[in-house]
């Protein structure tokens, strides 16, 4: 687990390094310098070295980083040496697509519980997951070890749903609802809003 004094912006860059290193390993690379990694990820080499220095020394001066060793170290730092079960709340079009998305499982994240309020969806099976009534959230989460939630409900239901998830032990939420959630300290939230990203991009298209 990351130390409290490590800036969140540093932690946020580690998955990018890991993704890039995995790609390079598949391409047959064994060693990489911070300068070469910089060219791949678009982050200055000095920043990469500083980021990694928070967690110890990984490179050899003049030789660079052993890619396999650095991958293993980053996976350990990011707590990826285990399977993380997840719950998804909101099984509309987006929720169904996320359940079917195989990329989660390939990286150690597994949707094991799906909840919805729509009686037409409750009881249906999607990619092997039977959708449960959201009213069963408390009982289902009590008997599980789920700490991560994917939230794909409408904006007007997002805050109350997130509050219920946190009350039942959820510590991290990937929020697809177009609203900023207000949650207790100690609960991590990542907001995924494609419209905001598009609005950012269109600034540069004038």
N, C-alpha and C. Protein backbone atom coordinates (compact mmCIF):
# COMPACT_ATOMS: atom_id res chain seq x y z
N UNK A 1 0.85 -1.20 0.00
CA UNK A 1 0.00 0.00 0.00
C UNK A 1 0.88 1.24 0.00
N UNK A 2 0.49 2.27 -0.73
CA UNK A 2 1.28 3.49 -0.83
C UNK A 2 1.37 4.17 0.53
N UNK A 3 2.54 4.77 0.80
CA UNK A 3 2.73 5.50 2.05
C UNK A 3 1.96 6.82 1.99
N UNK A 4 1.45 7.28 3.13
CA UNK A 4 0.64 8.50 3.15
C UNK A 4 1.35 9.74 2.62
N UNK A 5 2.70 9.80 2.77
CA UNK A 5 3.42 11.00 2.37
C UNK A 5 3.77 11.01 0.89
N UNK A 6 3.39 10.00 0.15
CA UNK A 6 3.66 9.97 -1.29
C UNK A 6 2.53 10.69 -2.02
N UNK A 7 2.84 11.71 -2.80
CA UNK A 7 1.79 12.47 -3.50
C UNK A 7 0.94 11.59 -4.39
N UNK A 8 -0.35 11.85 -4.41
CA UNK A 8 -1.26 11.05 -5.21
C UNK A 8 -0.93 11.13 -6.70
N UNK A 9 -0.41 12.27 -7.15
CA UNK A 9 -0.05 12.42 -8.56
C UNK A 9 1.05 11.44 -8.93
N UNK A 10 1.94 11.14 -7.99
CA UNK A 10 2.99 10.15 -8.23
C UNK A 10 2.38 8.76 -8.39
N UNK A 11 1.50 8.40 -7.46
CA UNK A 11 0.83 7.10 -7.52
C UNK A 11 0.05 6.96 -8.82
N UNK A 12 -0.56 8.05 -9.27
CA UNK A 12 -1.38 7.99 -10.49
C UNK A 12 -0.55 7.70 -11.73
N UNK A 13 0.75 8.00 -11.69
CA UNK A 13 1.60 7.74 -12.85
C UNK A 13 2.12 6.30 -12.88
N UNK A 14 2.13 5.62 -11.76
CA UNK A 14 2.68 4.27 -11.70
C UNK A 14 1.98 3.29 -12.64
N UNK A 15 0.63 3.30 -12.72
CA UNK A 15 -0.03 2.38 -13.66
C UNK A 15 0.37 2.62 -15.11
N UNK A 16 0.66 3.88 -15.46
CA UNK A 16 1.11 4.19 -16.82
C UNK A 16 2.47 3.57 -17.08
N UNK A 17 3.37 3.69 -16.10
CA UNK A 17 4.68 3.05 -16.24
C UNK A 17 4.52 1.54 -16.38
N UNK A 18 3.66 0.98 -15.55
CA UNK A 18 3.47 -0.47 -15.57
C UNK A 18 2.90 -0.94 -16.91
N UNK A 19 1.91 -0.24 -17.41
CA UNK A 19 1.31 -0.59 -18.70
C UNK A 19 2.35 -0.56 -19.81
N UNK A 20 3.17 0.48 -19.81
CA UNK A 20 4.19 0.64 -20.84
C UNK A 20 5.25 -0.45 -20.73
N UNK A 21 5.67 -0.76 -19.53
CA UNK A 21 6.67 -1.80 -19.32
C UNK A 21 6.15 -3.17 -19.76
N UNK A 22 4.90 -3.44 -19.48
CA UNK A 22 4.30 -4.71 -19.94
C UNK A 22 4.33 -4.80 -21.46
N UNK A 23 4.02 -3.69 -22.12
CA UNK A 23 4.06 -3.66 -23.58
C UNK A 23 5.48 -3.91 -24.08
N UNK A 24 6.46 -3.26 -23.47
CA UNK A 24 7.85 -3.43 -23.89
C UNK A 24 8.33 -4.86 -23.66
N UNK A 25 7.89 -5.45 -22.57
CA UNK A 25 8.27 -6.84 -22.29
C UNK A 25 7.73 -7.77 -23.37
N UNK A 26 6.47 -7.53 -23.77
CA UNK A 26 5.89 -8.35 -24.84
C UNK A 26 6.64 -8.15 -26.16
N UNK A 27 7.25 -6.98 -26.32
CA UNK A 27 8.01 -6.69 -27.53
C UNK A 27 9.43 -7.28 -27.47
N UNK A 28 9.75 -7.90 -26.34
CA UNK A 28 11.05 -8.55 -26.22
C UNK A 28 12.13 -7.73 -25.54
N UNK A 29 11.77 -6.54 -25.02
CA UNK A 29 12.75 -5.71 -24.33
C UNK A 29 13.02 -6.26 -22.93
N UNK A 30 14.26 -6.12 -22.47
CA UNK A 30 14.64 -6.62 -21.15
C UNK A 30 15.10 -5.52 -20.20
N UNK A 31 15.69 -4.47 -20.75
CA UNK A 31 16.23 -3.37 -19.94
C UNK A 31 15.82 -2.06 -20.58
N UNK A 32 15.53 -1.06 -19.75
CA UNK A 32 15.16 0.26 -20.28
C UNK A 32 15.71 1.35 -19.39
N UNK A 33 16.15 2.43 -19.99
CA UNK A 33 16.63 3.57 -19.21
C UNK A 33 15.46 4.51 -18.93
N UNK A 34 15.65 5.42 -18.00
CA UNK A 34 14.59 6.39 -17.71
C UNK A 34 14.35 7.30 -18.91
N UNK A 35 15.41 7.56 -19.69
CA UNK A 35 15.25 8.38 -20.90
C UNK A 35 14.39 7.66 -21.93
N UNK A 36 14.61 6.37 -22.10
CA UNK A 36 13.82 5.59 -23.06
C UNK A 36 12.38 5.46 -22.60
N UNK A 37 12.19 5.26 -21.30
CA UNK A 37 10.83 5.19 -20.77
C UNK A 37 10.14 6.54 -20.93
N UNK A 38 10.89 7.61 -20.76
CA UNK A 38 10.35 8.95 -20.94
C UNK A 38 9.79 9.14 -22.34
N UNK A 39 10.51 8.64 -23.34
CA UNK A 39 10.05 8.76 -24.73
C UNK A 39 8.73 8.00 -24.94
N UNK A 40 8.56 6.92 -24.22
CA UNK A 40 7.36 6.10 -24.36
C UNK A 40 6.14 6.72 -23.70
N UNK A 41 6.32 7.33 -22.52
CA UNK A 41 5.17 7.80 -21.74
C UNK A 41 4.97 9.31 -21.79
N UNK A 42 5.95 10.04 -22.32
CA UNK A 42 5.80 11.49 -22.42
C UNK A 42 5.96 12.21 -21.10
N UNK A 43 6.70 11.62 -20.17
CA UNK A 43 6.98 12.24 -18.87
C UNK A 43 8.49 12.39 -18.76
N UNK A 44 9.00 13.56 -18.32
CA UNK A 44 10.45 13.76 -18.24
C UNK A 44 11.17 12.66 -17.45
N UNK A 45 12.34 12.30 -17.94
CA UNK A 45 13.11 11.22 -17.28
C UNK A 45 13.40 11.54 -15.83
N UNK A 46 13.69 12.82 -15.55
CA UNK A 46 13.99 13.20 -14.17
C UNK A 46 12.77 12.98 -13.28
N UNK A 47 11.56 13.18 -13.83
CA UNK A 47 10.34 12.96 -13.05
C UNK A 47 10.13 11.47 -12.81
N UNK A 48 10.41 10.66 -13.82
CA UNK A 48 10.28 9.21 -13.66
C UNK A 48 11.21 8.72 -12.56
N UNK A 49 12.45 9.17 -12.60
CA UNK A 49 13.41 8.73 -11.57
C UNK A 49 12.96 9.19 -10.19
N UNK A 50 12.43 10.41 -10.11
CA UNK A 50 11.95 10.92 -8.82
C UNK A 50 10.76 10.11 -8.33
N UNK A 51 9.82 9.80 -9.25
CA UNK A 51 8.65 9.01 -8.86
C UNK A 51 9.07 7.66 -8.28
N UNK A 52 9.97 6.98 -8.98
CA UNK A 52 10.38 5.65 -8.55
C UNK A 52 11.20 5.69 -7.26
N UNK A 53 11.90 6.80 -7.04
CA UNK A 53 12.75 6.91 -5.85
C UNK A 53 11.94 6.93 -4.56
N UNK A 54 10.66 7.29 -4.65
CA UNK A 54 9.81 7.24 -3.46
C UNK A 54 9.70 5.82 -2.91
N UNK A 55 9.90 4.84 -3.78
CA UNK A 55 9.66 3.44 -3.39
C UNK A 55 10.94 2.63 -3.32
N UNK A 56 12.10 3.28 -3.44
CA UNK A 56 13.37 2.58 -3.36
C UNK A 56 14.14 2.69 -4.67
N UNK A 57 15.31 2.05 -4.71
CA UNK A 57 16.13 2.09 -5.92
C UNK A 57 15.86 0.88 -6.80
N UNK A 58 15.56 1.13 -8.06
CA UNK A 58 15.25 0.03 -8.97
C UNK A 58 16.25 -0.07 -10.12
N UNK A 59 16.89 1.03 -10.47
CA UNK A 59 17.78 1.03 -11.62
C UNK A 59 19.24 0.91 -11.23
N UNK A 60 20.08 0.60 -12.23
CA UNK A 60 21.53 0.57 -12.05
C UNK A 60 22.11 1.66 -12.93
N UNK A 61 22.87 2.59 -12.32
CA UNK A 61 23.39 3.73 -13.06
C UNK A 61 24.21 3.26 -14.26
N UNK A 62 23.87 3.80 -15.41
CA UNK A 62 24.57 3.43 -16.63
C UNK A 62 23.98 2.22 -17.33
N UNK A 63 23.07 1.50 -16.66
CA UNK A 63 22.48 0.30 -17.26
C UNK A 63 20.97 0.40 -17.41
N UNK A 64 20.31 1.14 -16.53
CA UNK A 64 18.87 1.29 -16.61
C UNK A 64 18.13 0.33 -15.70
N UNK A 65 16.87 0.11 -16.04
CA UNK A 65 15.99 -0.73 -15.22
C UNK A 65 15.79 -2.10 -15.84
N UNK A 66 15.90 -3.13 -15.03
CA UNK A 66 15.50 -4.47 -15.46
C UNK A 66 13.97 -4.48 -15.54
N UNK A 67 13.43 -4.69 -16.72
CA UNK A 67 11.99 -4.52 -16.93
C UNK A 67 11.17 -5.50 -16.09
N UNK A 68 11.56 -6.75 -16.06
CA UNK A 68 10.78 -7.74 -15.29
C UNK A 68 10.79 -7.37 -13.81
N UNK A 69 11.96 -7.01 -13.29
CA UNK A 69 12.04 -6.64 -11.87
C UNK A 69 11.20 -5.40 -11.57
N UNK A 70 11.24 -4.42 -12.47
CA UNK A 70 10.47 -3.20 -12.24
C UNK A 70 8.98 -3.48 -12.33
N UNK A 71 8.56 -4.33 -13.26
CA UNK A 71 7.15 -4.72 -13.35
C UNK A 71 6.70 -5.38 -12.05
N UNK A 72 7.49 -6.33 -11.57
CA UNK A 72 7.13 -7.03 -10.32
C UNK A 72 7.05 -6.04 -9.15
N UNK A 73 7.97 -5.09 -9.12
CA UNK A 73 7.98 -4.12 -8.02
C UNK A 73 6.76 -3.21 -8.08
N UNK A 74 6.42 -2.74 -9.29
CA UNK A 74 5.26 -1.86 -9.43
C UNK A 74 3.97 -2.60 -9.12
N UNK A 75 3.87 -3.85 -9.52
CA UNK A 75 2.67 -4.63 -9.20
C UNK A 75 2.52 -4.78 -7.69
N UNK A 76 3.62 -4.98 -7.00
CA UNK A 76 3.57 -5.09 -5.54
C UNK A 76 3.19 -3.76 -4.90
N UNK A 77 3.77 -2.66 -5.38
CA UNK A 77 3.46 -1.34 -4.85
C UNK A 77 1.98 -1.02 -5.03
N UNK A 78 1.43 -1.39 -6.18
CA UNK A 78 0.04 -1.08 -6.50
C UNK A 78 -0.95 -2.15 -5.98
N UNK A 79 -0.43 -3.08 -5.19
CA UNK A 79 -1.29 -4.14 -4.61
C UNK A 79 -1.99 -4.95 -5.69
N UNK A 80 -1.26 -5.29 -6.74
CA UNK A 80 -1.85 -6.04 -7.85
C UNK A 80 -1.47 -7.51 -7.83
N UNK A 81 -0.86 -7.96 -6.75
CA UNK A 81 -0.50 -9.37 -6.64
C UNK A 81 -1.63 -10.19 -6.03
N UNK A 82 -2.85 -9.88 -6.45
CA UNK A 82 -4.03 -10.59 -5.99
C UNK A 82 -5.19 -10.28 -6.93
N UNK A 83 -6.26 -11.03 -6.81
CA UNK A 83 -7.48 -10.77 -7.58
C UNK A 83 -8.38 -9.85 -6.74
N UNK A 84 -8.84 -8.75 -7.35
CA UNK A 84 -9.71 -7.81 -6.64
C UNK A 84 -11.16 -8.00 -7.11
N UNK A 85 -12.03 -8.54 -6.24
CA UNK A 85 -13.44 -8.66 -6.60
C UNK A 85 -14.11 -7.29 -6.57
N UNK A 86 -15.08 -7.07 -7.46
CA UNK A 86 -15.74 -5.77 -7.54
C UNK A 86 -17.25 -5.95 -7.67
N UNK A 87 -17.97 -4.91 -7.23
CA UNK A 87 -19.41 -4.83 -7.43
C UNK A 87 -19.68 -3.71 -8.41
N UNK A 88 -20.66 -3.92 -9.29
CA UNK A 88 -21.10 -2.85 -10.17
C UNK A 88 -22.55 -2.53 -9.85
N UNK A 89 -22.85 -1.26 -9.68
CA UNK A 89 -24.22 -0.83 -9.39
C UNK A 89 -24.70 0.03 -10.56
N UNK A 90 -25.75 -0.44 -11.21
CA UNK A 90 -26.26 0.21 -12.41
C UNK A 90 -25.92 -0.66 -13.62
N UNK A 91 -26.90 -1.41 -14.09
CA UNK A 91 -26.63 -2.38 -15.16
C UNK A 91 -27.42 -2.01 -16.41
N UNK A 92 -27.31 -0.73 -16.80
CA UNK A 92 -27.86 -0.31 -18.08
C UNK A 92 -26.87 -0.65 -19.18
N UNK A 93 -26.91 0.11 -20.27
CA UNK A 93 -26.02 -0.20 -21.40
C UNK A 93 -24.55 -0.15 -21.01
N UNK A 94 -24.16 0.91 -20.29
CA UNK A 94 -22.77 1.03 -19.89
C UNK A 94 -22.38 -0.07 -18.92
N UNK A 95 -23.23 -0.30 -17.92
CA UNK A 95 -22.94 -1.33 -16.94
C UNK A 95 -22.78 -2.70 -17.58
N UNK A 96 -23.65 -3.02 -18.53
CA UNK A 96 -23.56 -4.31 -19.22
C UNK A 96 -22.27 -4.42 -20.02
N UNK A 97 -21.88 -3.32 -20.65
CA UNK A 97 -20.63 -3.32 -21.42
C UNK A 97 -19.43 -3.55 -20.50
N UNK A 98 -19.46 -2.95 -19.32
CA UNK A 98 -18.35 -3.11 -18.38
C UNK A 98 -18.28 -4.54 -17.85
N UNK A 99 -19.44 -5.15 -17.62
CA UNK A 99 -19.45 -6.53 -17.16
C UNK A 99 -18.83 -7.45 -18.22
N UNK A 100 -19.10 -7.14 -19.47
CA UNK A 100 -18.58 -7.98 -20.57
C UNK A 100 -17.12 -7.66 -20.90
N UNK A 101 -16.63 -6.52 -20.44
CA UNK A 101 -15.27 -6.11 -20.78
C UNK A 101 -14.25 -7.05 -20.14
N UNK A 102 -13.45 -7.69 -20.96
CA UNK A 102 -12.51 -8.69 -20.46
C UNK A 102 -11.21 -8.10 -19.93
N UNK A 103 -10.98 -6.82 -20.21
CA UNK A 103 -9.75 -6.18 -19.76
C UNK A 103 -9.60 -6.14 -18.25
N UNK A 104 -10.72 -6.04 -17.52
CA UNK A 104 -10.64 -6.05 -16.06
C UNK A 104 -10.00 -7.34 -15.56
N UNK A 105 -10.54 -8.46 -16.00
CA UNK A 105 -10.08 -9.76 -15.52
C UNK A 105 -8.61 -10.00 -15.88
N UNK A 106 -8.20 -9.54 -17.05
CA UNK A 106 -6.81 -9.75 -17.46
C UNK A 106 -5.83 -9.03 -16.53
N UNK A 107 -6.29 -7.98 -15.87
CA UNK A 107 -5.42 -7.22 -14.98
C UNK A 107 -5.71 -7.49 -13.50
N UNK A 108 -6.51 -8.50 -13.22
CA UNK A 108 -6.72 -8.89 -11.82
C UNK A 108 -7.93 -8.30 -11.14
N UNK A 109 -8.86 -7.74 -11.92
CA UNK A 109 -10.09 -7.17 -11.36
C UNK A 109 -11.27 -7.99 -11.87
N UNK A 110 -12.11 -8.45 -10.96
CA UNK A 110 -13.21 -9.35 -11.35
C UNK A 110 -14.55 -8.84 -10.81
N UNK A 111 -15.47 -8.55 -11.72
CA UNK A 111 -16.82 -8.19 -11.29
C UNK A 111 -17.53 -9.46 -10.85
N UNK A 112 -17.88 -9.52 -9.57
CA UNK A 112 -18.52 -10.72 -9.02
C UNK A 112 -19.95 -10.46 -8.58
N UNK A 113 -20.35 -9.19 -8.54
CA UNK A 113 -21.69 -8.83 -8.08
C UNK A 113 -22.21 -7.66 -8.91
N UNK A 114 -23.44 -7.79 -9.41
CA UNK A 114 -24.07 -6.72 -10.19
C UNK A 114 -25.42 -6.40 -9.56
N UNK A 115 -25.67 -5.11 -9.33
CA UNK A 115 -26.90 -4.67 -8.67
C UNK A 115 -27.62 -3.64 -9.52
N UNK A 116 -28.95 -3.70 -9.51
CA UNK A 116 -29.74 -2.73 -10.26
C UNK A 116 -31.11 -2.59 -9.60
N UNK A 117 -31.81 -1.49 -9.97
CA UNK A 117 -33.14 -1.23 -9.40
C UNK A 117 -34.25 -1.61 -10.37
N UNK A 118 -33.90 -1.85 -11.63
CA UNK A 118 -34.89 -2.09 -12.69
C UNK A 118 -35.36 -3.56 -12.66
N UNK A 119 -36.67 -3.80 -12.42
CA UNK A 119 -37.16 -5.18 -12.36
C UNK A 119 -37.00 -5.93 -13.69
N UNK A 120 -36.89 -5.19 -14.80
CA UNK A 120 -36.69 -5.86 -16.09
C UNK A 120 -35.27 -6.39 -16.24
N UNK A 121 -34.35 -5.84 -15.47
CA UNK A 121 -32.96 -6.26 -15.54
C UNK A 121 -32.61 -7.26 -14.44
N UNK A 122 -33.21 -7.07 -13.27
CA UNK A 122 -32.96 -7.97 -12.14
C UNK A 122 -33.30 -9.40 -12.53
N UNK A 123 -32.38 -10.30 -12.26
CA UNK A 123 -32.58 -11.71 -12.58
C UNK A 123 -32.00 -12.14 -13.92
N UNK A 124 -31.65 -11.17 -14.75
CA UNK A 124 -31.03 -11.52 -16.03
C UNK A 124 -29.56 -11.86 -15.80
N UNK A 125 -29.01 -12.63 -16.72
CA UNK A 125 -27.61 -13.04 -16.61
C UNK A 125 -26.79 -12.37 -17.71
N UNK A 126 -25.68 -11.76 -17.30
CA UNK A 126 -24.80 -11.07 -18.23
C UNK A 126 -23.38 -11.57 -18.00
N UNK A 127 -22.84 -12.21 -19.02
CA UNK A 127 -21.47 -12.75 -18.95
C UNK A 127 -21.26 -13.58 -17.69
N UNK A 128 -22.27 -14.37 -17.34
CA UNK A 128 -22.17 -15.26 -16.19
C UNK A 128 -22.54 -14.65 -14.85
N UNK A 129 -22.89 -13.36 -14.84
CA UNK A 129 -23.27 -12.68 -13.60
C UNK A 129 -24.77 -12.45 -13.60
N UNK A 130 -25.47 -12.94 -12.58
CA UNK A 130 -26.90 -12.73 -12.44
C UNK A 130 -27.12 -11.40 -11.71
N UNK A 131 -27.86 -10.50 -12.31
CA UNK A 131 -28.10 -9.19 -11.72
C UNK A 131 -29.03 -9.32 -10.52
N UNK A 132 -28.62 -8.74 -9.39
CA UNK A 132 -29.40 -8.79 -8.15
C UNK A 132 -30.10 -7.45 -7.91
N UNK A 133 -31.13 -7.49 -7.07
CA UNK A 133 -31.83 -6.28 -6.66
C UNK A 133 -30.90 -5.43 -5.79
N UNK A 134 -30.84 -4.13 -6.07
CA UNK A 134 -29.96 -3.26 -5.30
C UNK A 134 -30.35 -3.25 -3.82
N UNK A 135 -31.59 -3.63 -3.53
CA UNK A 135 -32.02 -3.73 -2.14
C UNK A 135 -31.28 -4.80 -1.36
N UNK A 136 -30.60 -5.70 -2.07
CA UNK A 136 -29.82 -6.75 -1.41
C UNK A 136 -28.37 -6.34 -1.18
N UNK A 137 -28.06 -5.07 -1.46
CA UNK A 137 -26.67 -4.60 -1.34
C UNK A 137 -26.06 -4.94 0.00
N UNK A 138 -26.76 -4.59 1.08
CA UNK A 138 -26.18 -4.79 2.41
C UNK A 138 -25.87 -6.26 2.68
N UNK A 139 -26.82 -7.14 2.42
CA UNK A 139 -26.60 -8.56 2.70
C UNK A 139 -25.54 -9.16 1.79
N UNK A 140 -25.52 -8.75 0.52
CA UNK A 140 -24.55 -9.31 -0.42
C UNK A 140 -23.14 -8.85 -0.09
N UNK A 141 -22.98 -7.58 0.28
CA UNK A 141 -21.65 -7.08 0.59
C UNK A 141 -21.16 -7.58 1.94
N UNK A 142 -22.09 -7.83 2.87
CA UNK A 142 -21.70 -8.32 4.19
C UNK A 142 -21.02 -9.68 4.10
N UNK A 143 -21.47 -10.50 3.13
CA UNK A 143 -20.91 -11.84 3.04
C UNK A 143 -19.80 -11.94 1.98
N UNK A 144 -19.28 -10.80 1.60
CA UNK A 144 -18.22 -10.80 0.59
C UNK A 144 -17.01 -10.04 1.10
N UNK A 145 -15.96 -10.05 0.31
CA UNK A 145 -14.76 -9.28 0.64
C UNK A 145 -14.54 -8.21 -0.42
N UNK A 146 -15.65 -7.65 -0.92
CA UNK A 146 -15.57 -6.65 -1.98
C UNK A 146 -15.27 -5.28 -1.38
N UNK A 147 -14.25 -4.61 -1.92
CA UNK A 147 -13.92 -3.27 -1.45
C UNK A 147 -13.91 -2.24 -2.58
N UNK A 148 -14.13 -2.72 -3.82
CA UNK A 148 -14.12 -1.81 -4.97
C UNK A 148 -15.49 -1.86 -5.65
N UNK A 149 -16.01 -0.68 -6.01
CA UNK A 149 -17.30 -0.60 -6.69
C UNK A 149 -17.16 0.19 -7.97
N UNK A 150 -17.91 -0.21 -8.98
CA UNK A 150 -18.09 0.56 -10.21
C UNK A 150 -19.49 1.15 -10.14
N UNK A 151 -19.60 2.46 -10.29
CA UNK A 151 -20.87 3.14 -10.14
C UNK A 151 -21.32 3.68 -11.49
N UNK A 152 -22.40 3.12 -12.03
CA UNK A 152 -22.88 3.53 -13.36
C UNK A 152 -24.37 3.87 -13.31
N UNK A 153 -24.78 4.49 -12.23
CA UNK A 153 -26.18 4.90 -12.07
C UNK A 153 -26.34 6.33 -12.57
N UNK A 154 -27.59 6.80 -12.78
CA UNK A 154 -27.80 8.20 -13.17
C UNK A 154 -27.28 9.16 -12.11
N UNK A 155 -26.99 10.39 -12.54
CA UNK A 155 -26.40 11.38 -11.63
C UNK A 155 -27.25 11.61 -10.39
N UNK A 156 -28.58 11.62 -10.55
CA UNK A 156 -29.44 11.92 -9.40
C UNK A 156 -29.47 10.81 -8.36
N UNK A 157 -28.93 9.64 -8.71
CA UNK A 157 -28.90 8.53 -7.75
C UNK A 157 -27.48 8.22 -7.28
N UNK A 158 -26.50 8.91 -7.84
CA UNK A 158 -25.11 8.55 -7.59
C UNK A 158 -24.68 8.77 -6.15
N UNK A 159 -24.98 9.94 -5.57
CA UNK A 159 -24.51 10.23 -4.22
C UNK A 159 -25.11 9.28 -3.19
N UNK A 160 -26.42 9.06 -3.26
CA UNK A 160 -27.06 8.17 -2.28
C UNK A 160 -26.56 6.74 -2.44
N UNK A 161 -26.34 6.32 -3.69
CA UNK A 161 -25.84 4.97 -3.92
C UNK A 161 -24.42 4.83 -3.40
N UNK A 162 -23.60 5.83 -3.65
CA UNK A 162 -22.22 5.81 -3.14
C UNK A 162 -22.20 5.78 -1.62
N UNK A 163 -23.08 6.57 -0.99
CA UNK A 163 -23.17 6.57 0.48
C UNK A 163 -23.50 5.17 1.00
N UNK A 164 -24.42 4.50 0.32
CA UNK A 164 -24.81 3.14 0.74
C UNK A 164 -23.65 2.17 0.56
N UNK A 165 -22.93 2.31 -0.53
CA UNK A 165 -21.77 1.44 -0.77
C UNK A 165 -20.72 1.62 0.32
N UNK A 166 -20.42 2.86 0.64
CA UNK A 166 -19.43 3.15 1.68
C UNK A 166 -19.89 2.61 3.03
N UNK A 167 -21.17 2.77 3.32
CA UNK A 167 -21.71 2.27 4.59
C UNK A 167 -21.59 0.76 4.70
N UNK A 168 -21.45 0.10 3.56
CA UNK A 168 -21.35 -1.36 3.56
C UNK A 168 -19.95 -1.86 3.20
N UNK A 169 -18.95 -1.02 3.46
CA UNK A 169 -17.58 -1.48 3.41
C UNK A 169 -16.78 -1.16 2.17
N UNK A 170 -17.38 -0.49 1.19
CA UNK A 170 -16.64 -0.16 -0.02
C UNK A 170 -15.63 0.96 0.27
N UNK A 171 -14.39 0.78 -0.20
CA UNK A 171 -13.32 1.74 0.08
C UNK A 171 -12.82 2.45 -1.17
N UNK A 172 -13.22 1.98 -2.36
CA UNK A 172 -12.77 2.61 -3.61
C UNK A 172 -13.90 2.54 -4.62
N UNK A 173 -14.16 3.66 -5.30
CA UNK A 173 -15.26 3.73 -6.27
C UNK A 173 -14.75 4.28 -7.59
N UNK A 174 -15.04 3.56 -8.66
CA UNK A 174 -14.81 4.05 -10.01
C UNK A 174 -16.14 4.62 -10.47
N UNK A 175 -16.22 5.95 -10.51
CA UNK A 175 -17.50 6.64 -10.70
C UNK A 175 -17.69 7.08 -12.15
N UNK A 176 -18.68 6.49 -12.82
CA UNK A 176 -19.00 6.87 -14.19
C UNK A 176 -20.15 7.87 -14.24
N UNK A 177 -20.76 8.16 -13.11
CA UNK A 177 -21.85 9.13 -13.09
C UNK A 177 -21.29 10.54 -13.23
N UNK A 178 -21.96 11.43 -13.99
CA UNK A 178 -21.45 12.79 -14.21
C UNK A 178 -21.72 13.71 -13.03
N UNK A 179 -21.13 13.36 -11.90
CA UNK A 179 -21.31 14.15 -10.68
C UNK A 179 -20.12 13.91 -9.77
N UNK A 180 -19.71 14.94 -9.04
CA UNK A 180 -18.61 14.81 -8.09
C UNK A 180 -19.18 14.29 -6.77
N UNK A 181 -18.69 13.16 -6.34
CA UNK A 181 -19.18 12.54 -5.11
C UNK A 181 -18.48 13.14 -3.89
N UNK A 182 -19.24 13.29 -2.81
CA UNK A 182 -18.69 13.75 -1.54
C UNK A 182 -18.71 12.59 -0.57
N UNK A 183 -17.52 12.06 -0.29
CA UNK A 183 -17.43 10.85 0.51
C UNK A 183 -16.44 11.04 1.66
N UNK A 184 -16.51 10.17 2.68
CA UNK A 184 -15.65 10.33 3.85
C UNK A 184 -14.17 10.17 3.51
N UNK A 185 -13.35 10.73 4.36
CA UNK A 185 -11.90 10.56 4.22
C UNK A 185 -11.58 9.07 4.31
N UNK A 186 -10.68 8.64 3.48
CA UNK A 186 -10.31 7.22 3.48
C UNK A 186 -10.96 6.44 2.37
N UNK A 187 -11.95 7.04 1.71
CA UNK A 187 -12.59 6.39 0.56
C UNK A 187 -12.05 7.06 -0.70
N UNK A 188 -11.49 6.25 -1.59
CA UNK A 188 -10.91 6.78 -2.81
C UNK A 188 -11.92 6.75 -3.95
N UNK A 189 -11.95 7.81 -4.74
CA UNK A 189 -12.87 7.90 -5.87
C UNK A 189 -12.10 8.32 -7.12
N UNK A 190 -12.36 7.64 -8.23
CA UNK A 190 -11.84 8.04 -9.53
C UNK A 190 -13.03 8.31 -10.43
N UNK A 191 -13.08 9.51 -11.00
CA UNK A 191 -14.22 9.90 -11.83
C UNK A 191 -13.90 9.67 -13.31
N UNK A 192 -14.81 8.97 -13.98
CA UNK A 192 -14.66 8.67 -15.41
C UNK A 192 -15.81 9.35 -16.14
N UNK A 193 -15.54 10.50 -16.74
CA UNK A 193 -16.58 11.23 -17.46
C UNK A 193 -16.06 11.57 -18.86
N UNK A 194 -16.41 10.76 -19.87
CA UNK A 194 -15.92 10.99 -21.24
C UNK A 194 -16.30 12.36 -21.79
N UNK A 195 -17.47 12.89 -21.39
CA UNK A 195 -17.90 14.19 -21.91
C UNK A 195 -16.93 15.29 -21.47
N UNK A 196 -16.50 15.25 -20.21
CA UNK A 196 -15.54 16.24 -19.74
C UNK A 196 -14.23 16.15 -20.53
N UNK A 197 -13.81 14.93 -20.83
CA UNK A 197 -12.58 14.75 -21.61
C UNK A 197 -12.76 15.31 -23.02
N UNK A 198 -13.93 15.08 -23.62
CA UNK A 198 -14.18 15.61 -24.95
C UNK A 198 -14.21 17.13 -24.94
N UNK A 199 -14.82 17.71 -23.92
CA UNK A 199 -14.87 19.17 -23.82
C UNK A 199 -13.46 19.76 -23.66
N UNK A 200 -12.61 19.02 -23.00
CA UNK A 200 -11.21 19.42 -22.89
C UNK A 200 -10.55 19.39 -24.26
N UNK A 201 -10.80 18.33 -25.03
CA UNK A 201 -10.19 18.19 -26.35
C UNK A 201 -10.66 19.26 -27.33
N UNK A 202 -11.95 19.58 -27.28
CA UNK A 202 -12.47 20.52 -28.27
C UNK A 202 -11.89 21.92 -28.12
N UNK A 203 -11.36 22.24 -26.94
CA UNK A 203 -10.69 23.53 -26.76
C UNK A 203 -9.58 23.72 -27.79
N UNK A 204 -8.92 22.62 -28.13
CA UNK A 204 -7.75 22.68 -29.03
C UNK A 204 -8.13 22.56 -30.51
N UNK A 205 -9.42 22.46 -30.81
CA UNK A 205 -9.85 22.24 -32.19
C UNK A 205 -10.34 23.51 -32.89
N UNK A 206 -10.26 24.64 -32.21
CA UNK A 206 -10.74 25.88 -32.82
C UNK A 206 -9.78 26.37 -33.90
